[in-house]
């Protein structure tokens, strides 16, 4: 999860840790209406990494629009 948090930080995307006993990190950015949730399990499944990449690509598209 540290790698996911670092990638988010590098792209100015917020990665909030679980609250209230939950187990999912929340990934968000002001330019995106959707919030991506990533379960905190080791290892993180590839599908969640692909979703994160798509999320960051959407942030970059909106940044350059």
C-alpha atoms as a PDB file:
ATOM      1  CA  UNK A   1       0.000   0.000   0.000  1.00  0.00           C
ATOM      2  CA  UNK A   2       2.959   2.294   0.530  1.00  0.00           C
ATOM      3  CA  UNK A   3       3.652   2.185  -3.206  1.00  0.00           C
ATOM      4  CA  UNK A   4       0.044   3.127  -3.993  1.00  0.00           C
ATOM      5  CA  UNK A   5       0.224   6.035  -1.570  1.00  0.00           C
ATOM      6  CA  UNK A   6       3.492   7.239  -3.114  1.00  0.00           C
ATOM      7  CA  UNK A   7       2.096   7.080  -6.652  1.00  0.00           C
ATOM      8  CA  UNK A   8      -0.939   9.054  -5.535  1.00  0.00           C
ATOM      9  CA  UNK A   9       1.279  11.645  -3.886  1.00  0.00           C
ATOM     10  CA  UNK A  10       3.423  11.923  -7.031  1.00  0.00           C
ATOM     11  CA  UNK A  11       0.300  12.699  -9.110  1.00  0.00           C
ATOM     12  CA  UNK A  12      -1.336  15.009  -6.517  1.00  0.00           C
ATOM     13  CA  UNK A  13      -4.108  12.486  -5.903  1.00  0.00           C
ATOM     14  CA  UNK A  14      -5.477  12.029  -2.378  1.00  0.00           C
ATOM     15  CA  UNK A  15      -5.172   8.542  -0.886  1.00  0.00           C
ATOM     16  CA  UNK A  16      -7.037   8.450   2.433  1.00  0.00           C
ATOM     17  CA  UNK A  17      -6.521   5.564   4.856  1.00  0.00           C
ATOM     18  CA  UNK A  18      -9.466   3.562   6.178  1.00  0.00           C
ATOM     19  CA  UNK A  19     -11.560   5.152   8.923  1.00  0.00           C
ATOM     20  CA  UNK A  20     -14.084   3.791  11.346  1.00  0.00           C
ATOM     21  CA  UNK A  21     -12.792   0.228  11.264  1.00  0.00           C
ATOM     22  CA  UNK A  22     -12.957  -0.074   7.462  1.00  0.00           C
ATOM     23  CA  UNK A  23     -10.336  -1.753   5.326  1.00  0.00           C
ATOM     24  CA  UNK A  24     -10.467   0.300   2.108  1.00  0.00           C
ATOM     25  CA  UNK A  25      -8.329   3.254   1.128  1.00  0.00           C
ATOM     26  CA  UNK A  26     -10.148   6.014  -0.748  1.00  0.00           C
ATOM     27  CA  UNK A  27      -8.482   7.596  -3.760  1.00  0.00           C
ATOM     28  CA  UNK A  28      -9.866  10.929  -4.916  1.00  0.00           C
ATOM     29  CA  UNK A  29      -9.097  14.106  -6.825  1.00  0.00           C
ATOM     30  CA  UNK A  30     -11.140  17.317  -7.185  1.00  0.00           C
ATOM     31  CA  UNK A  31     -11.362  16.859 -10.970  1.00  0.00           C
ATOM     32  CA  UNK A  32     -13.035  13.453 -10.607  1.00  0.00           C
ATOM     33  CA  UNK A  33     -16.589  12.784  -9.481  1.00  0.00           C
ATOM     34  CA  UNK A  34     -15.823   9.157  -8.672  1.00  0.00           C
ATOM     35  CA  UNK A  35     -13.897   7.925  -5.658  1.00  0.00           C
ATOM     36  CA  UNK A  36     -11.811   4.813  -6.146  1.00  0.00           C
ATOM     37  CA  UNK A  37     -11.704   2.384  -3.235  1.00  0.00           C
ATOM     38  CA  UNK A  38      -8.785  -0.001  -2.843  1.00  0.00           C
ATOM     39  CA  UNK A  39      -8.963  -2.773  -0.245  1.00  0.00           C
ATOM     40  CA  UNK A  40      -5.975  -3.050   2.036  1.00  0.00           C
ATOM     41  CA  UNK A  41      -4.891  -6.601   1.434  1.00  0.00           C
ATOM     42  CA  UNK A  42      -1.484  -7.956   0.628  1.00  0.00           C
ATOM     43  CA  UNK A  43      -0.833  -8.367  -2.167  1.00  0.00           C
ATOM     44  CA  UNK A  44      -3.106  -5.804  -3.796  1.00  0.00           C
ATOM     45  CA  UNK A  45      -4.909  -7.475  -6.692  1.00  0.00           C
ATOM     46  CA  UNK A  46      -3.857  -6.367 -10.190  1.00  0.00           C
ATOM     47  CA  UNK A  47      -7.376  -5.167 -10.990  1.00  0.00           C
ATOM     48  CA  UNK A  48      -7.049  -2.411  -8.386  1.00  0.00           C
ATOM     49  CA  UNK A  49      -3.716  -1.302  -9.815  1.00  0.00           C
ATOM     50  CA  UNK A  50      -5.289  -1.094 -13.281  1.00  0.00           C
ATOM     51  CA  UNK A  51      -8.161   0.964 -11.850  1.00  0.00           C
ATOM     52  CA  UNK A  52      -5.674   3.291 -10.167  1.00  0.00           C
ATOM     53  CA  UNK A  53      -3.792   3.769 -13.441  1.00  0.00           C
ATOM     54  CA  UNK A  54      -7.065   4.631 -15.221  1.00  0.00           C
ATOM     55  CA  UNK A  55      -7.987   7.036 -12.430  1.00  0.00           C
ATOM     56  CA  UNK A  56      -4.658   8.851 -12.713  1.00  0.00           C
ATOM     57  CA  UNK A  57      -4.975   8.933 -16.518  1.00  0.00           C
ATOM     58  CA  UNK A  58      -8.386  10.607 -16.120  1.00  0.00           C
ATOM     59  CA  UNK A  59      -6.885  13.166 -13.748  1.00  0.00           C
ATOM     60  CA  UNK A  60      -4.167  13.935 -16.286  1.00  0.00           C
ATOM     61  CA  UNK A  61      -6.687  14.223 -19.156  1.00  0.00           C
ATOM     62  CA  UNK A  62      -8.723  16.715 -17.144  1.00  0.00           C
ATOM     63  CA  UNK A  63      -5.582  18.614 -16.165  1.00  0.00           C
ATOM     64  CA  UNK A  64      -4.654  19.118 -19.829  1.00  0.00           C
ATOM     65  CA  UNK A  65      -8.161  19.960 -21.064  1.00  0.00           C
END
